[in-house]
PDB file of N, CA and C in Angstrom:
ATOM      1  N   MET A   1      64.521  23.473  60.391  1.00  0.00           N
ATOM      2  CA  MET A   1      63.170  23.026  60.161  1.00  0.00           C
ATOM      3  C   MET A   1      62.627  23.740  58.920  1.00  0.00           C
ATOM      4  N   THR A   2      61.968  22.979  58.064  1.00  0.00           N
ATOM      5  CA  THR A   2      61.416  23.522  56.824  1.00  0.00           C
ATOM      6  C   THR A   2      59.986  23.997  57.059  1.00  0.00           C
ATOM      7  N   ARG A   3      59.716  25.202  56.606  1.00  0.00           N
ATOM      8  CA  ARG A   3      58.348  25.727  56.682  1.00  0.00           C
ATOM      9  C   ARG A   3      57.551  25.189  55.496  1.00  0.00           C
ATOM     10  N   ILE A   4      56.340  24.747  55.765  1.00  0.00           N
ATOM     11  CA  ILE A   4      55.490  24.201  54.706  1.00  0.00           C
ATOM     12  C   ILE A   4      55.290  25.222  53.597  1.00  0.00           C
ATOM     13  N   ALA A   5      55.093  26.474  53.964  1.00  0.00           N
ATOM     14  CA  ALA A   5      54.867  27.522  52.969  1.00  0.00           C
ATOM     15  C   ALA A   5      56.066  27.700  52.041  1.00  0.00           C
ATOM     16  N   ASP A   6      57.243  27.269  52.475  1.00  0.00           N
ATOM     17  CA  ASP A   6      58.445  27.407  51.651  1.00  0.00           C
ATOM     18  C   ASP A   6      58.677  26.221  50.720  1.00  0.00           C
ATOM     19  N   LEU A   7      57.876  25.181  50.844  1.00  0.00           N
ATOM     20  CA  LEU A   7      58.030  24.001  49.994  1.00  0.00           C
ATOM     21  C   LEU A   7      57.490  24.275  48.602  1.00  0.00           C
ATOM     22  N   PRO A   8      58.062  23.647  47.588  1.00  0.00           N
ATOM     23  CA  PRO A   8      57.492  23.760  46.245  1.00  0.00           C
ATOM     24  C   PRO A   8      56.063  23.213  46.235  1.00  0.00           C
ATOM     25  N   GLU A   9      55.239  23.753  45.357  1.00  0.00           N
ATOM     26  CA  GLU A   9      53.829  23.361  45.281  1.00  0.00           C
ATOM     27  C   GLU A   9      53.668  21.858  45.095  1.00  0.00           C
ATOM     28  N   ASP A  10      54.494  21.252  44.232  1.00  0.00           N
ATOM     29  CA  ASP A  10      54.348  19.810  43.993  1.00  0.00           C
ATOM     30  C   ASP A  10      54.681  19.000  45.241  1.00  0.00           C
ATOM     31  N   THR A  11      55.618  19.462  46.041  1.00  0.00           N
ATOM     32  CA  THR A  11      55.948  18.779  47.297  1.00  0.00           C
ATOM     33  C   THR A  11      54.801  18.926  48.289  1.00  0.00           C
ATOM     34  N   GLN A  12      54.220  20.123  48.378  1.00  0.00           N
ATOM     35  CA  GLN A  12      53.066  20.319  49.251  1.00  0.00           C
ATOM     36  C   GLN A  12      51.919  19.400  48.842  1.00  0.00           C
ATOM     37  N   GLN A  13      51.655  19.319  47.549  1.00  0.00           N
ATOM     38  CA  GLN A  13      50.567  18.461  47.067  1.00  0.00           C
ATOM     39  C   GLN A  13      50.849  16.995  47.354  1.00  0.00           C
ATOM     40  N   ALA A  14      52.095  16.569  47.214  1.00  0.00           N
ATOM     41  CA  ALA A  14      52.457  15.180  47.517  1.00  0.00           C
ATOM     42  C   ALA A  14      52.240  14.881  49.001  1.00  0.00           C
ATOM     43  N   LEU A  15      52.588  15.819  49.859  1.00  0.00           N
ATOM     44  CA  LEU A  15      52.391  15.627  51.297  1.00  0.00           C
ATOM     45  C   LEU A  15      50.900  15.620  51.640  1.00  0.00           C
ATOM     46  N   GLU A  16      50.137  16.493  50.994  1.00  0.00           N
ATOM     47  CA  GLU A  16      48.695  16.515  51.215  1.00  0.00           C
ATOM     48  C   GLU A  16      48.066  15.200  50.752  1.00  0.00           C
ATOM     49  N   ALA A  17      48.488  14.689  49.610  1.00  0.00           N
ATOM     50  CA  ALA A  17      47.961  13.417  49.108  1.00  0.00           C
ATOM     51  C   ALA A  17      48.319  12.272  50.058  1.00  0.00           C
ATOM     52  N   ALA A  18      49.539  12.274  50.564  1.00  0.00           N
ATOM     53  CA  ALA A  18      49.946  11.242  51.513  1.00  0.00           C
ATOM     54  C   ALA A  18      49.131  11.342  52.802  1.00  0.00           C
ATOM     55  N   SER A  19      48.856  12.566  53.232  1.00  0.00           N
ATOM     56  CA  SER A  19      48.030  12.769  54.429  1.00  0.00           C
ATOM     57  C   SER A  19      46.617  12.254  54.202  1.00  0.00           C
ATOM     58  N   PHE A  20      46.075  12.498  53.022  1.00  0.00           N
ATOM     59  CA  PHE A  20      44.736  12.007  52.686  1.00  0.00           C
ATOM     60  C   PHE A  20      44.714  10.484  52.694  1.00  0.00           C
ATOM     61  N   ARG A  21      45.722   9.866  52.098  1.00  0.00           N
ATOM     62  CA  ARG A  21      45.788   8.401  52.092  1.00  0.00           C
ATOM     63  C   ARG A  21      45.887   7.866  53.520  1.00  0.00           C
ATOM     64  N   ARG A  22      46.635   8.560  54.363  1.00  0.00           N
ATOM     65  CA  ARG A  22      46.759   8.131  55.753  1.00  0.00           C
ATOM     66  C   ARG A  22      45.423   8.291  56.489  1.00  0.00           C
ATOM     67  N   LEU A  23      44.678   9.366  56.214  1.00  0.00           N
ATOM     68  CA  LEU A  23      43.355   9.544  56.798  1.00  0.00           C
ATOM     69  C   LEU A  23      42.436   8.402  56.373  1.00  0.00           C
ATOM     70  N   LEU A  24      42.445   8.043  55.088  1.00  0.00           N
ATOM     71  CA  LEU A  24      41.617   6.935  54.625  1.00  0.00           C
ATOM     72  C   LEU A  24      42.008   5.636  55.304  1.00  0.00           C
ATOM     73  N   ALA A  25      43.303   5.390  55.454  1.00  0.00           N
ATOM     74  CA  ALA A  25      43.767   4.167  56.137  1.00  0.00           C
ATOM     75  C   ALA A  25      43.333   4.175  57.604  1.00  0.00           C
ATOM     76  N   HIS A  26      43.401   5.334  58.221  1.00  0.00           N
ATOM     77  CA  HIS A  26      42.990   5.461  59.627  1.00  0.00           C
ATOM     78  C   HIS A  26      41.495   5.176  59.770  1.00  0.00           C
ATOM     79  N   LEU A  27      40.687   5.754  58.895  1.00  0.00           N
ATOM     80  CA  LEU A  27      39.249   5.481  58.938  1.00  0.00           C
ATOM     81  C   LEU A  27      38.971   4.010  58.649  1.00  0.00           C
ATOM     82  N   ASP A  28      39.725   3.421  57.731  1.00  0.00           N
ATOM     83  CA  ASP A  28      39.536   2.016  57.394  1.00  0.00           C
ATOM     84  C   ASP A  28      39.868   1.119  58.581  1.00  0.00           C
ATOM     85  N   SER A  29      40.858   1.498  59.362  1.00  0.00           N
ATOM     86  CA  SER A  29      41.228   0.678  60.514  1.00  0.00           C
ATOM     87  C   SER A  29      40.354   0.969  61.734  1.00  0.00           C
ATOM     88  N   ASN A  30      39.444   1.920  61.592  1.00  0.00           N
ATOM     89  CA  ASN A  30      38.516   2.267  62.669  1.00  0.00           C
ATOM     90  C   ASN A  30      37.081   2.253  62.153  1.00  0.00           C
ATOM     91  N   LYS A  31      36.701   1.127  61.562  1.00  0.00           N
ATOM     92  CA  LYS A  31      35.366   1.000  60.981  1.00  0.00           C
ATOM     93  C   LYS A  31      34.269   1.124  62.027  1.00  0.00           C
ATOM     94  N   ASP A  32      34.627   0.923  63.298  1.00  0.00           N
ATOM     95  CA  ASP A  32      33.638   1.058  64.363  1.00  0.00           C
ATOM     96  C   ASP A  32      33.200   2.506  64.556  1.00  0.00           C
ATOM     97  N   VAL A  33      33.990   3.444  64.055  1.00  0.00           N
ATOM     98  CA  VAL A  33      33.602   4.852  64.130  1.00  0.00           C
ATOM     99  C   VAL A  33      32.542   5.078  63.056  1.00  0.00           C
ATOM    100  N   GLN A  34      31.355   5.378  63.508  1.00  0.00           N
ATOM    101  CA  GLN A  34      30.225   5.525  62.609  1.00  0.00           C
ATOM    102  C   GLN A  34      30.204   6.913  61.977  1.00  0.00           C
ATOM    103  N   ASN A  35      29.680   6.995  60.760  1.00  0.00           N
ATOM    104  CA  ASN A  35      29.570   8.272  60.068  1.00  0.00           C
ATOM    105  C   ASN A  35      28.762   9.283  60.872  1.00  0.00           C
ATOM    106  N   ILE A  36      27.691   8.837  61.517  1.00  0.00           N
ATOM    107  CA  ILE A  36      26.868   9.760  62.297  1.00  0.00           C
ATOM    108  C   ILE A  36      27.692  10.395  63.412  1.00  0.00           C
ATOM    109  N   ASP A  37      28.581   9.616  64.027  1.00  0.00           N
ATOM    110  CA  ASP A  37      29.436  10.165  65.084  1.00  0.00           C
ATOM    111  C   ASP A  37      30.420  11.178  64.520  1.00  0.00           C
ATOM    112  N   LEU A  38      30.977  10.889  63.344  1.00  0.00           N
ATOM    113  CA  LEU A  38      31.856  11.856  62.698  1.00  0.00           C
ATOM    114  C   LEU A  38      31.102  13.149  62.398  1.00  0.00           C
ATOM    115  N   MET A  39      29.877  13.027  61.908  1.00  0.00           N
ATOM    116  CA  MET A  39      29.077  14.214  61.596  1.00  0.00           C
ATOM    117  C   MET A  39      28.782  15.030  62.856  1.00  0.00           C
ATOM    118  N   ILE A  40      28.473  14.347  63.948  1.00  0.00           N
ATOM    119  CA  ILE A  40      28.168  15.041  65.197  1.00  0.00           C
ATOM    120  C   ILE A  40      29.404  15.767  65.720  1.00  0.00           C
ATOM    121  N   LEU A  41      30.529  15.089  65.714  1.00  0.00           N
ATOM    122  CA  LEU A  41      31.733  15.643  66.330  1.00  0.00           C
ATOM    123  C   LEU A  41      32.531  16.567  65.418  1.00  0.00           C
ATOM    124  N   ALA A  42      32.571  16.253  64.124  1.00  0.00           N
ATOM    125  CA  ALA A  42      33.473  16.983  63.234  1.00  0.00           C
ATOM    126  C   ALA A  42      32.778  17.623  62.037  1.00  0.00           C
ATOM    127  N   ASP A  43      31.491  17.390  61.884  1.00  0.00           N
ATOM    128  CA  ASP A  43      30.712  17.949  60.786  1.00  0.00           C
ATOM    129  C   ASP A  43      31.195  17.492  59.413  1.00  0.00           C
ATOM    130  N   PHE A  44      31.728  16.283  59.360  1.00  0.00           N
ATOM    131  CA  PHE A  44      32.060  15.636  58.087  1.00  0.00           C
ATOM    132  C   PHE A  44      32.071  14.134  58.332  1.00  0.00           C
ATOM    133  N   CYS A  45      31.950  13.364  57.245  1.00  0.00           N
ATOM    134  CA  CYS A  45      32.009  11.908  57.359  1.00  0.00           C
ATOM    135  C   CYS A  45      32.675  11.343  56.107  1.00  0.00           C
ATOM    136  N   ARG A  46      32.684  10.055  56.014  1.00  0.00           N
ATOM    137  CA  ARG A  46      33.286   9.396  54.852  1.00  0.00           C
ATOM    138  C   ARG A  46      32.600   9.828  53.554  1.00  0.00           C
ATOM    139  N   ASN A  47      31.277   9.970  53.592  1.00  0.00           N
ATOM    140  CA  ASN A  47      30.555  10.413  52.388  1.00  0.00           C
ATOM    141  C   ASN A  47      30.977  11.818  51.988  1.00  0.00           C
ATOM    142  N   CYS A  48      31.211  12.676  52.976  1.00  0.00           N
ATOM    143  CA  CYS A  48      31.689  14.032  52.679  1.00  0.00           C
ATOM    144  C   CYS A  48      33.029  13.972  51.959  1.00  0.00           C
ATOM    145  N   LEU A  49      33.922  13.100  52.430  1.00  0.00           N
ATOM    146  CA  LEU A  49      35.225  12.966  51.766  1.00  0.00           C
ATOM    147  C   LEU A  49      35.046  12.574  50.310  1.00  0.00           C
ATOM    148  N   ALA A  50      34.110  11.663  50.037  1.00  0.00           N
ATOM    149  CA  ALA A  50      33.855  11.253  48.655  1.00  0.00           C
ATOM    150  C   ALA A  50      33.318  12.422  47.838  1.00  0.00           C
ATOM    151  N   LYS A  51      32.430  13.215  48.434  1.00  0.00           N
ATOM    152  CA  LYS A  51      31.899  14.386  47.729  1.00  0.00           C
ATOM    153  C   LYS A  51      33.003  15.394  47.453  1.00  0.00           C
ATOM    154  N   TRP A  52      33.902  15.587  48.404  1.00  0.00           N
ATOM    155  CA  TRP A  52      35.020  16.510  48.207  1.00  0.00           C
ATOM    156  C   TRP A  52      35.956  15.995  47.119  1.00  0.00           C
ATOM    157  N   TYR A  53      36.117  14.679  47.036  1.00  0.00           N
ATOM    158  CA  TYR A  53      36.946  14.058  46.003  1.00  0.00           C
ATOM    159  C   TYR A  53      36.359  14.366  44.622  1.00  0.00           C
ATOM    160  N   VAL A  54      35.052  14.177  44.494  1.00  0.00           N
ATOM    161  CA  VAL A  54      34.365  14.479  43.227  1.00  0.00           C
ATOM    162  C   VAL A  54      34.485  15.965  42.901  1.00  0.00           C
ATOM    163  N   ALA A  55      34.321  16.816  43.908  1.00  0.00           N
ATOM    164  CA  ALA A  55      34.427  18.267  43.690  1.00  0.00           C
ATOM    165  C   ALA A  55      35.839  18.649  43.254  1.00  0.00           C
ATOM    166  N   ALA A  56      36.843  18.006  43.845  1.00  0.00           N
ATOM    167  CA  ALA A  56      38.232  18.282  43.442  1.00  0.00           C
ATOM    168  C   ALA A  56      38.443  17.870  41.983  1.00  0.00           C
ATOM    169  N   GLY A  57      37.848  16.758  41.614  1.00  0.00           N
ATOM    170  CA  GLY A  57      37.927  16.339  40.214  1.00  0.00           C
ATOM    171  C   GLY A  57      37.283  17.359  39.293  1.00  0.00           C
ATOM    172  N   LYS A  58      36.126  17.862  39.695  1.00  0.00           N
ATOM    173  CA  LYS A  58      35.438  18.875  38.894  1.00  0.00           C
ATOM    174  C   LYS A  58      36.301  20.115  38.742  1.00  0.00           C
ATOM    175  N   ASP A  59      36.952  20.532  39.841  1.00  0.00           N
ATOM    176  CA  ASP A  59      37.851  21.685  39.781  1.00  0.00           C
ATOM    177  C   ASP A  59      39.010  21.460  38.814  1.00  0.00           C
ATOM    178  N   ALA A  60      39.372  20.182  38.644  1.00  0.00           N
ATOM    179  CA  ALA A  60      40.458  19.834  37.722  1.00  0.00           C
ATOM    180  C   ALA A  60      39.950  19.535  36.318  1.00  0.00           C
ATOM    181  N   GLY A  61      38.649  19.767  36.091  1.00  0.00           N
ATOM    182  CA  GLY A  61      38.079  19.550  34.766  1.00  0.00           C
ATOM    183  C   GLY A  61      37.677  18.111  34.495  1.00  0.00           C
ATOM    184  N   LEU A  62      37.509  17.316  35.554  1.00  0.00           N
ATOM    185  CA  LEU A  62      37.154  15.908  35.413  1.00  0.00           C
ATOM    186  C   LEU A  62      35.739  15.676  35.923  1.00  0.00           C
ATOM    187  N   THR A  63      35.073  14.697  35.343  1.00  0.00           N
ATOM    188  CA  THR A  63      33.779  14.274  35.848  1.00  0.00           C
ATOM    189  C   THR A  63      33.978  12.908  36.488  1.00  0.00           C
ATOM    190  N   LEU A  64      33.954  12.880  37.824  1.00  0.00           N
ATOM    191  CA  LEU A  64      34.162  11.636  38.551  1.00  0.00           C
ATOM    192  C   LEU A  64      32.832  11.109  39.067  1.00  0.00           C
ATOM    193  N   ASP A  65      32.712   9.809  39.109  1.00  0.00           N
ATOM    194  CA  ASP A  65      31.510   9.156  39.600  1.00  0.00           C
ATOM    195  C   ASP A  65      31.530   9.138  41.132  1.00  0.00           C
ATOM    196  N   TYR A  66      30.449   9.593  41.745  1.00  0.00           N
ATOM    197  CA  TYR A  66      30.354   9.652  43.209  1.00  0.00           C
ATOM    198  C   TYR A  66      30.494   8.267  43.831  1.00  0.00           C
ATOM    199  N   GLU A  67      29.847   7.251  43.256  1.00  0.00           N
ATOM    200  CA  GLU A  67      29.944   5.900  43.821  1.00  0.00           C
ATOM    201  C   GLU A  67      31.374   5.376  43.732  1.00  0.00           C
ATOM    202  N   ASP A  68      32.071   5.719  42.665  1.00  0.00           N
ATOM    203  CA  ASP A  68      33.479   5.339  42.527  1.00  0.00           C
ATOM    204  C   ASP A  68      34.318   6.041  43.591  1.00  0.00           C
ATOM    205  N   ALA A  69      34.011   7.306  43.838  1.00  0.00           N
ATOM    206  CA  ALA A  69      34.730   8.046  44.886  1.00  0.00           C
ATOM    207  C   ALA A  69      34.439   7.445  46.256  1.00  0.00           C
ATOM    208  N   ARG A  70      33.189   7.056  46.496  1.00  0.00           N
ATOM    209  CA  ARG A  70      32.880   6.416  47.782  1.00  0.00           C
ATOM    210  C   ARG A  70      33.635   5.108  47.934  1.00  0.00           C
ATOM    211  N   GLU A  71      33.762   4.354  46.855  1.00  0.00           N
ATOM    212  CA  GLU A  71      34.525   3.104  46.936  1.00  0.00           C
ATOM    213  C   GLU A  71      35.988   3.388  47.275  1.00  0.00           C
ATOM    214  N   ARG A  72      36.519   4.466  46.738  1.00  0.00           N
ATOM    215  CA  ARG A  72      37.901   4.861  47.061  1.00  0.00           C
ATOM    216  C   ARG A  72      38.015   5.200  48.547  1.00  0.00           C
ATOM    217  N   VAL A  73      37.049   5.920  49.067  1.00  0.00           N
ATOM    218  CA  VAL A  73      37.081   6.338  50.470  1.00  0.00           C
ATOM    219  C   VAL A  73      36.829   5.156  51.407  1.00  0.00           C
ATOM    220  N   TYR A  74      35.850   4.345  51.097  1.00  0.00           N
ATOM    221  CA  TYR A  74      35.468   3.224  51.963  1.00  0.00           C
ATOM    222  C   TYR A  74      36.358   2.000  51.778  1.00  0.00           C
ATOM    223  N   GLY A  75      37.074   1.926  50.664  1.00  0.00           N
ATOM    224  CA  GLY A  75      37.916   0.762  50.408  1.00  0.00           C
ATOM    225  C   GLY A  75      37.129  -0.434  49.880  1.00  0.00           C
ATOM    226  N   MET A  76      35.875  -0.229  49.585  1.00  0.00           N
ATOM    227  CA  MET A  76      34.980  -1.261  49.060  1.00  0.00           C
ATOM    228  C   MET A  76      33.709  -0.555  48.610  1.00  0.00           C
ATOM    229  N   PRO A  77      32.862  -1.233  47.864  1.00  0.00           N
ATOM    230  CA  PRO A  77      31.598  -0.583  47.503  1.00  0.00           C
ATOM    231  C   PRO A  77      30.850  -0.158  48.773  1.00  0.00           C
ATOM    232  N   TYR A  78      30.212   1.007  48.699  1.00  0.00           N
ATOM    233  CA  TYR A  78      29.516   1.535  49.866  1.00  0.00           C
ATOM    234  C   TYR A  78      28.467   0.558  50.386  1.00  0.00           C
ATOM    235  N   SER A  79      27.731  -0.086  49.484  1.00  0.00           N
ATOM    236  CA  SER A  79      26.693  -1.025  49.907  1.00  0.00           C
ATOM    237  C   SER A  79      27.282  -2.150  50.750  1.00  0.00           C
ATOM    238  N   GLU A  80      28.467  -2.609  50.375  1.00  0.00           N
ATOM    239  CA  GLU A  80      29.145  -3.666  51.136  1.00  0.00           C
ATOM    240  C   GLU A  80      29.593  -3.148  52.504  1.00  0.00           C
ATOM    241  N   TRP A  81      30.189  -1.961  52.523  1.00  0.00           N
ATOM    242  CA  TRP A  81      30.632  -1.374  53.786  1.00  0.00           C
ATOM    243  C   TRP A  81      29.438  -1.187  54.714  1.00  0.00           C
ATOM    244  N   LYS A  82      28.361  -0.660  54.166  1.00  0.00           N
ATOM    245  CA  LYS A  82      27.158  -0.389  54.958  1.00  0.00           C
ATOM    246  C   LYS A  82      26.611  -1.681  55.555  1.00  0.00           C
ATOM    247  N   GLU A  83      26.581  -2.734  54.752  1.00  0.00           N
ATOM    248  CA  GLU A  83      26.067  -4.025  55.210  1.00  0.00           C
ATOM    249  C   GLU A  83      26.899  -4.605  56.353  1.00  0.00           C
ATOM    250  N   HIS A  84      28.210  -4.440  56.275  1.00  0.00           N
ATOM    251  CA  HIS A  84      29.098  -5.071  57.250  1.00  0.00           C
ATOM    252  C   HIS A  84      29.480  -4.184  58.429  1.00  0.00           C
ATOM    253  N   HIS A  85      29.412  -2.864  58.276  1.00  0.00           N
ATOM    254  CA  HIS A  85      29.997  -1.995  59.297  1.00  0.00           C
ATOM    255  C   HIS A  85      29.089  -0.902  59.837  1.00  0.00           C
ATOM    256  N   GLN A  86      28.064  -0.516  59.109  1.00  0.00           N
ATOM    257  CA  GLN A  86      27.228   0.599  59.568  1.00  0.00           C
ATOM    258  C   GLN A  86      26.137   0.103  60.502  1.00  0.00           C
ATOM    259  N   GLN A  87      26.052   0.736  61.634  1.00  0.00           N
ATOM    260  CA  GLN A  87      25.015   0.433  62.610  1.00  0.00           C
ATOM    261  C   GLN A  87      23.881   1.452  62.461  1.00  0.00           C
ATOM    262  N   PRO A  88      22.668   1.069  62.795  1.00  0.00           N
ATOM    263  CA  PRO A  88      21.578   2.055  62.763  1.00  0.00           C
ATOM    264  C   PRO A  88      21.865   3.169  63.778  1.00  0.00           C
ATOM    265  N   ALA A  89      21.564   4.384  63.393  1.00  0.00           N
ATOM    266  CA  ALA A  89      21.757   5.510  64.316  1.00  0.00           C
ATOM    267  C   ALA A  89      20.769   5.387  65.466  1.00  0.00           C
ATOM    268  N   THR A  90      21.267   5.669  66.661  1.00  0.00           N
ATOM    269  CA  THR A  90      20.401   5.636  67.841  1.00  0.00           C
ATOM    270  C   THR A  90      19.605   6.935  67.917  1.00  0.00           C
ATOM    271  N   ALA A  91      18.597   6.934  68.745  1.00  0.00           N
ATOM    272  CA  ALA A  91      17.810   8.151  68.962  1.00  0.00           C
ATOM    273  C   ALA A  91      18.701   9.262  69.511  1.00  0.00           C
ATOM    274  N   GLU A  92      19.635   8.900  70.374  1.00  0.00           N
ATOM    275  CA  GLU A  92      20.548   9.887  70.943  1.00  0.00           C
ATOM    276  C   GLU A  92      21.465  10.482  69.872  1.00  0.00           C
ATOM    277  N   GLN A  93      21.961   9.633  68.979  1.00  0.00           N
ATOM    278  CA  GLN A  93      22.808  10.123  67.891  1.00  0.00           C
ATOM    279  C   GLN A  93      22.025  11.060  66.981  1.00  0.00           C
ATOM    280  N   MET A  94      20.818  10.686  66.641  1.00  0.00           N
ATOM    281  CA  MET A  94      20.009  11.525  65.756  1.00  0.00           C
ATOM    282  C   MET A  94      19.691  12.861  66.418  1.00  0.00           C
ATOM    283  N   ALA A  95      19.405  12.839  67.718  1.00  0.00           N
ATOM    284  CA  ALA A  95      19.135  14.096  68.432  1.00  0.00           C
ATOM    285  C   ALA A  95      20.377  14.978  68.442  1.00  0.00           C
ATOM    286  N   ALA A  96      21.547  14.384  68.675  1.00  0.00           N
ATOM    287  CA  ALA A  96      22.788  15.151  68.676  1.00  0.00           C
ATOM    288  C   ALA A  96      23.089  15.701  67.288  1.00  0.00           C
ATOM    289  N   PHE A  97      22.831  14.899  66.252  1.00  0.00           N
ATOM    290  CA  PHE A  97      23.045  15.341  64.876  1.00  0.00           C
ATOM    291  C   PHE A  97      22.125  16.508  64.545  1.00  0.00           C
ATOM    292  N   GLU A  98      20.863  16.376  64.880  1.00  0.00           N
ATOM    293  CA  GLU A  98      19.904  17.457  64.607  1.00  0.00           C
ATOM    294  C   GLU A  98      20.257  18.719  65.360  1.00  0.00           C
ATOM    295  N   ALA A  99      20.713  18.587  66.595  1.00  0.00           N
ATOM    296  CA  ALA A  99      21.135  19.769  67.371  1.00  0.00           C
ATOM    297  C   ALA A  99      22.339  20.416  66.704  1.00  0.00           C
ATOM    298  N   ARG A 100      23.247  19.626  66.192  1.00  0.00           N
ATOM    299  CA  ARG A 100      24.433  20.150  65.496  1.00  0.00           C
ATOM    300  C   ARG A 100      24.012  20.926  64.245  1.00  0.00           C
ATOM    301  N   GLN A 101      23.054  20.372  63.515  1.00  0.00           N
ATOM    302  CA  GLN A 101      22.587  21.034  62.295  1.00  0.00           C
ATOM    303  C   GLN A 101      21.897  22.350  62.601  1.00  0.00           C
ATOM    304  N   LYS A 102      21.122  22.392  63.679  1.00  0.00           N
ATOM    305  CA  LYS A 102      20.433  23.630  64.052  1.00  0.00           C
ATOM    306  C   LYS A 102      21.418  24.696  64.513  1.00  0.00           C
ATOM    307  N   ALA A 103      22.532  24.266  65.092  1.00  0.00           N
ATOM    308  CA  ALA A 103      23.517  25.212  65.613  1.00  0.00           C
ATOM    309  C   ALA A 103      24.345  25.874  64.515  1.00  0.00           C
ATOM    310  N   LYS A 104      24.260  25.362  63.315  1.00  0.00           N
ATOM    311  CA  LYS A 104      25.045  25.921  62.200  1.00  0.00           C
ATOM    312  C   LYS A 104      24.581  27.329  61.866  1.00  0.00           C
TER     313      LYS A 104
END
């Protein structure tokens, strides 16, 4: 069995990139999972992934457009995804989200 720490850096990065693509595909195939639920349960959402993408670009000396990054994460323009897949947050979801934020 190969230890991840023993892999060359480029191989580790390729595996990380493949894992990221698989995460995006998984989120795309589970559009019913709302961002608010991700925020409540995991403290991140699709928008966070887009922000992290932009931040990674900045670390690499690139200036990436946030809306372009969101399109990469959502697989379509955010406005389109929101129109077709985002449900209004319920009072219960908002209360759980606010409790999560206070607990930080």
